[in-house]
């Protein structure tokens, strides 16, 4: 019996195949990491000093801001956010940093403010129906509510025009 296979080869092959299937299934449940915005370098961000730096030196040190204030160009914002999520779940913020740099009229740095996750809002929608102000109409009111209203006598419309 020169071509005889060992008796333990079939169970080992099944074990390896089952392990591969489990590994493939578990890889779909791994945690995904996301990063958006400015990549923070603590050395560079701590180097911005009020009264010393100006708009030009800030842009040379940190680069262009993530966005500039909407109402004036006296504030630069550098936004960095890291999120995590499982498979198809919504991403949740793990860390966030918003650095606001304020300038005076001459373009010199007046203040540097940092905020984090404390300003992240969590919005919880109210089911699948949006509450609105006004009349509360039922399904049948929506379908049959206008019967007789268009063109009725005394109303302006195509059927109610009883002119000479």
C-alpha atoms as a PDB file:
ATOM      1  CA  UNK A   1       0.000   0.000   0.000  1.00  0.00           C
ATOM      2  CA  UNK A   2       2.335   2.700  -1.164  1.00  0.00           C
ATOM      3  CA  UNK A   3      -0.508   5.241  -1.829  1.00  0.00           C
ATOM      4  CA  UNK A   4      -2.197   4.910   1.561  1.00  0.00           C
ATOM      5  CA  UNK A   5      -3.189   8.222   3.174  1.00  0.00           C
ATOM      6  CA  UNK A   6      -3.024   8.726   6.919  1.00  0.00           C
ATOM      7  CA  UNK A   7      -6.358   8.350   8.680  1.00  0.00           C
ATOM      8  CA  UNK A   8      -6.137  11.777  10.302  1.00  0.00           C
ATOM      9  CA  UNK A   9      -5.962  13.793   6.995  1.00  0.00           C
ATOM     10  CA  UNK A  10      -9.747  14.060   6.426  1.00  0.00           C
ATOM     11  CA  UNK A  11     -10.624  15.419   9.913  1.00  0.00           C
ATOM     12  CA  UNK A  12      -7.688  17.861   9.704  1.00  0.00           C
ATOM     13  CA  UNK A  13      -8.894  19.120   6.318  1.00  0.00           C
ATOM     14  CA  UNK A  14     -12.406  19.628   7.696  1.00  0.00           C
ATOM     15  CA  UNK A  15     -11.005  21.491  10.706  1.00  0.00           C
ATOM     16  CA  UNK A  16      -8.949  23.802   8.477  1.00  0.00           C
ATOM     17  CA  UNK A  17     -11.960  24.461   6.220  1.00  0.00           C
ATOM     18  CA  UNK A  18     -14.187  25.230   9.219  1.00  0.00           C
ATOM     19  CA  UNK A  19     -11.527  27.565  10.602  1.00  0.00           C
ATOM     20  CA  UNK A  20     -11.345  29.448   7.296  1.00  0.00           C
ATOM     21  CA  UNK A  21     -15.137  29.812   7.170  1.00  0.00           C
ATOM     22  CA  UNK A  22     -15.230  31.139  10.738  1.00  0.00           C
ATOM     23  CA  UNK A  23     -12.384  33.576   9.982  1.00  0.00           C
ATOM     24  CA  UNK A  24     -14.157  34.895   6.887  1.00  0.00           C
ATOM     25  CA  UNK A  25     -17.447  35.304   8.753  1.00  0.00           C
ATOM     26  CA  UNK A  26     -15.792  37.066  11.685  1.00  0.00           C
ATOM     27  CA  UNK A  27     -13.904  39.466   9.413  1.00  0.00           C
ATOM     28  CA  UNK A  28     -17.233  41.042   8.420  1.00  0.00           C
ATOM     29  CA  UNK A  29     -17.818  42.032  12.056  1.00  0.00           C
ATOM     30  CA  UNK A  30     -14.575  43.906  12.579  1.00  0.00           C
ATOM     31  CA  UNK A  31     -14.626  47.456  13.819  1.00  0.00           C
ATOM     32  CA  UNK A  32     -14.041  50.076  11.142  1.00  0.00           C
ATOM     33  CA  UNK A  33     -12.131  53.246  11.979  1.00  0.00           C
ATOM     34  CA  UNK A  34     -12.596  56.513  10.166  1.00  0.00           C
ATOM     35  CA  UNK A  35     -10.733  59.789  10.333  1.00  0.00           C
ATOM     36  CA  UNK A  36     -11.956  63.053   8.872  1.00  0.00           C
ATOM     37  CA  UNK A  37     -10.526  66.532   8.717  1.00  0.00           C
ATOM     38  CA  UNK A  38      -7.252  67.934   9.928  1.00  0.00           C
ATOM     39  CA  UNK A  39      -4.565  65.516  11.125  1.00  0.00           C
ATOM     40  CA  UNK A  40      -3.515  66.961  14.481  1.00  0.00           C
ATOM     41  CA  UNK A  41       0.174  67.379  15.256  1.00  0.00           C
ATOM     42  CA  UNK A  42       0.361  68.425  18.939  1.00  0.00           C
ATOM     43  CA  UNK A  43       3.755  70.088  18.506  1.00  0.00           C
ATOM     44  CA  UNK A  44       2.522  72.336  15.698  1.00  0.00           C
ATOM     45  CA  UNK A  45      -0.823  73.191  17.302  1.00  0.00           C
ATOM     46  CA  UNK A  46       0.820  74.168  20.596  1.00  0.00           C
ATOM     47  CA  UNK A  47       3.253  76.419  18.719  1.00  0.00           C
ATOM     48  CA  UNK A  48       0.489  78.905  17.791  1.00  0.00           C
ATOM     49  CA  UNK A  49       0.797  81.735  20.316  1.00  0.00           C
ATOM     50  CA  UNK A  50      -1.557  84.711  20.723  1.00  0.00           C
ATOM     51  CA  UNK A  51       0.227  88.042  20.266  1.00  0.00           C
ATOM     52  CA  UNK A  52       3.146  86.408  18.436  1.00  0.00           C
ATOM     53  CA  UNK A  53       1.664  84.686  15.377  1.00  0.00           C
ATOM     54  CA  UNK A  54      -0.345  86.192  12.546  1.00  0.00           C
ATOM     55  CA  UNK A  55      -2.557  84.787   9.789  1.00  0.00           C
ATOM     56  CA  UNK A  56       0.379  84.078   7.481  1.00  0.00           C
ATOM     57  CA  UNK A  57       2.434  82.240  10.124  1.00  0.00           C
ATOM     58  CA  UNK A  58      -0.609  80.159  11.134  1.00  0.00           C
ATOM     59  CA  UNK A  59      -1.151  79.053   7.528  1.00  0.00           C
ATOM     60  CA  UNK A  60       2.554  78.227   7.144  1.00  0.00           C
ATOM     61  CA  UNK A  61       2.546  76.210  10.380  1.00  0.00           C
ATOM     62  CA  UNK A  62      -0.804  74.395  10.179  1.00  0.00           C
ATOM     63  CA  UNK A  63      -1.762  74.743   6.514  1.00  0.00           C
ATOM     64  CA  UNK A  64      -5.079  76.012   5.211  1.00  0.00           C
ATOM     65  CA  UNK A  65      -7.910  75.784   7.738  1.00  0.00           C
ATOM     66  CA  UNK A  66     -10.685  73.212   7.480  1.00  0.00           C
ATOM     67  CA  UNK A  67     -13.036  76.180   7.135  1.00  0.00           C
ATOM     68  CA  UNK A  68     -13.115  79.925   7.745  1.00  0.00           C
ATOM     69  CA  UNK A  69     -15.831  81.673   9.746  1.00  0.00           C
ATOM     70  CA  UNK A  70     -18.963  82.214   7.698  1.00  0.00           C
ATOM     71  CA  UNK A  71     -19.465  85.848   8.649  1.00  0.00           C
ATOM     72  CA  UNK A  72     -15.889  87.156   8.591  1.00  0.00           C
ATOM     73  CA  UNK A  73     -12.380  85.942   7.895  1.00  0.00           C
ATOM     74  CA  UNK A  74     -11.284  86.650  11.486  1.00  0.00           C
ATOM     75  CA  UNK A  75     -11.674  83.032  12.641  1.00  0.00           C
ATOM     76  CA  UNK A  76     -10.021  79.872  11.352  1.00  0.00           C
ATOM     77  CA  UNK A  77     -11.288  76.413  12.302  1.00  0.00           C
ATOM     78  CA  UNK A  78      -9.257  73.210  12.200  1.00  0.00           C
ATOM     79  CA  UNK A  79     -11.540  70.194  12.671  1.00  0.00           C
ATOM     80  CA  UNK A  80     -10.393  66.635  13.348  1.00  0.00           C
ATOM     81  CA  UNK A  81     -12.719  63.709  14.048  1.00  0.00           C
ATOM     82  CA  UNK A  82     -12.222  60.003  14.581  1.00  0.00           C
ATOM     83  CA  UNK A  83     -15.143  57.574  14.297  1.00  0.00           C
ATOM     84  CA  UNK A  84     -15.713  53.862  14.798  1.00  0.00           C
ATOM     85  CA  UNK A  85     -18.450  51.580  13.528  1.00  0.00           C
ATOM     86  CA  UNK A  86     -19.333  47.921  13.351  1.00  0.00           C
ATOM     87  CA  UNK A  87     -20.261  46.494   9.952  1.00  0.00           C
ATOM     88  CA  UNK A  88     -23.277  48.466   8.703  1.00  0.00           C
ATOM     89  CA  UNK A  89     -24.018  50.415  11.891  1.00  0.00           C
ATOM     90  CA  UNK A  90     -23.878  54.198  12.001  1.00  0.00           C
ATOM     91  CA  UNK A  91     -20.434  55.593  12.773  1.00  0.00           C
ATOM     92  CA  UNK A  92     -20.094  56.987  16.287  1.00  0.00           C
ATOM     93  CA  UNK A  93     -17.560  59.670  17.191  1.00  0.00           C
ATOM     94  CA  UNK A  94     -14.749  58.492  19.445  1.00  0.00           C
ATOM     95  CA  UNK A  95     -12.706  61.681  19.531  1.00  0.00           C
ATOM     96  CA  UNK A  96     -13.116  65.131  18.089  1.00  0.00           C
ATOM     97  CA  UNK A  97     -11.063  68.285  18.256  1.00  0.00           C
ATOM     98  CA  UNK A  98     -12.084  71.693  17.000  1.00  0.00           C
ATOM     99  CA  UNK A  99      -9.378  74.318  17.189  1.00  0.00           C
ATOM    100  CA  UNK A 100     -10.579  77.885  16.658  1.00  0.00           C
ATOM    101  CA  UNK A 101      -8.008  80.592  16.015  1.00  0.00           C
ATOM    102  CA  UNK A 102      -9.287  84.173  16.276  1.00  0.00           C
ATOM    103  CA  UNK A 103      -7.562  87.144  14.642  1.00  0.00           C
ATOM    104  CA  UNK A 104      -7.815  90.891  15.215  1.00  0.00           C
ATOM    105  CA  UNK A 105      -8.326  93.484  12.455  1.00  0.00           C
ATOM    106  CA  UNK A 106      -4.577  93.501  11.626  1.00  0.00           C
ATOM    107  CA  UNK A 107      -4.479  89.698  11.251  1.00  0.00           C
ATOM    108  CA  UNK A 108      -2.657  88.901  14.515  1.00  0.00           C
ATOM    109  CA  UNK A 109      -3.701  85.910  16.619  1.00  0.00           C
ATOM    110  CA  UNK A 110      -5.873  86.999  19.554  1.00  0.00           C
ATOM    111  CA  UNK A 111      -6.936  83.607  20.984  1.00  0.00           C
ATOM    112  CA  UNK A 112      -6.722  79.873  20.396  1.00  0.00           C
ATOM    113  CA  UNK A 113      -9.649  77.761  21.671  1.00  0.00           C
ATOM    114  CA  UNK A 114      -9.961  73.966  21.688  1.00  0.00           C
ATOM    115  CA  UNK A 115     -13.122  71.915  22.156  1.00  0.00           C
ATOM    116  CA  UNK A 116     -13.795  68.205  21.946  1.00  0.00           C
ATOM    117  CA  UNK A 117     -16.618  65.688  22.089  1.00  0.00           C
ATOM    118  CA  UNK A 118     -18.532  67.863  24.557  1.00  0.00           C
ATOM    119  CA  UNK A 119     -20.086  69.779  21.650  1.00  0.00           C
ATOM    120  CA  UNK A 120     -21.173  66.748  19.601  1.00  0.00           C
ATOM    121  CA  UNK A 121     -24.973  66.655  19.357  1.00  0.00           C
ATOM    122  CA  UNK A 122     -26.888  63.431  19.446  1.00  0.00           C
ATOM    123  CA  UNK A 123     -30.115  63.737  17.514  1.00  0.00           C
ATOM    124  CA  UNK A 124     -32.808  61.157  18.130  1.00  0.00           C
ATOM    125  CA  UNK A 125     -35.532  61.266  15.458  1.00  0.00           C
ATOM    126  CA  UNK A 126     -39.097  60.720  16.639  1.00  0.00           C
ATOM    127  CA  UNK A 127     -40.107  57.501  14.931  1.00  0.00           C
ATOM    128  CA  UNK A 128     -40.996  57.519  11.252  1.00  0.00           C
ATOM    129  CA  UNK A 129     -43.407  60.463  11.448  1.00  0.00           C
ATOM    130  CA  UNK A 130     -42.313  64.073  11.626  1.00  0.00           C
ATOM    131  CA  UNK A 131     -44.423  66.176  13.980  1.00  0.00           C
ATOM    132  CA  UNK A 132     -45.852  69.266  12.260  1.00  0.00           C
ATOM    133  CA  UNK A 133     -47.994  72.192  13.211  1.00  0.00           C
ATOM    134  CA  UNK A 134     -51.436  72.555  11.680  1.00  0.00           C
ATOM    135  CA  UNK A 135     -54.445  70.360  11.128  1.00  0.00           C
ATOM    136  CA  UNK A 136     -54.237  66.711  12.046  1.00  0.00           C
ATOM    137  CA  UNK A 137     -55.693  64.932   9.027  1.00  0.00           C
ATOM    138  CA  UNK A 138     -56.483  61.259   8.794  1.00  0.00           C
ATOM    139  CA  UNK A 139     -55.785  59.028   5.820  1.00  0.00           C
ATOM    140  CA  UNK A 140     -59.353  59.355   4.527  1.00  0.00           C
ATOM    141  CA  UNK A 141     -59.316  63.150   4.990  1.00  0.00           C
ATOM    142  CA  UNK A 142     -56.277  63.292   2.738  1.00  0.00           C
ATOM    143  CA  UNK A 143     -57.966  61.196   0.042  1.00  0.00           C
ATOM    144  CA  UNK A 144     -61.530  62.498   0.152  1.00  0.00           C
ATOM    145  CA  UNK A 145     -61.100  65.900   1.819  1.00  0.00           C
ATOM    146  CA  UNK A 146     -61.234  67.955  -1.390  1.00  0.00           C
ATOM    147  CA  UNK A 147     -64.339  66.358  -2.901  1.00  0.00           C
ATOM    148  CA  UNK A 148     -66.810  69.098  -3.624  1.00  0.00           C
ATOM    149  CA  UNK A 149     -64.394  71.904  -2.780  1.00  0.00           C
ATOM    150  CA  UNK A 150     -63.149  72.500  -6.322  1.00  0.00           C
ATOM    151  CA  UNK A 151     -65.762  73.935  -8.648  1.00  0.00           C
ATOM    152  CA  UNK A 152     -68.538  74.103  -6.064  1.00  0.00           C
ATOM    153  CA  UNK A 153     -71.148  76.855  -6.513  1.00  0.00           C
ATOM    154  CA  UNK A 154     -70.095  80.073  -4.864  1.00  0.00           C
ATOM    155  CA  UNK A 155     -66.434  79.113  -5.058  1.00  0.00           C
ATOM    156  CA  UNK A 156     -64.046  80.405  -7.636  1.00  0.00           C
ATOM    157  CA  UNK A 157     -63.165  77.625 -10.023  1.00  0.00           C
ATOM    158  CA  UNK A 158     -64.107  76.152 -13.363  1.00  0.00           C
ATOM    159  CA  UNK A 159     -67.471  74.687 -12.310  1.00  0.00           C
ATOM    160  CA  UNK A 160     -68.552  77.497 -10.052  1.00  0.00           C
ATOM    161  CA  UNK A 161     -68.310  80.288 -12.620  1.00  0.00           C
ATOM    162  CA  UNK A 162     -71.901  81.419 -13.173  1.00  0.00           C
ATOM    163  CA  UNK A 163     -71.158  84.731 -14.853  1.00  0.00           C
ATOM    164  CA  UNK A 164     -73.342  86.382 -17.613  1.00  0.00           C
END
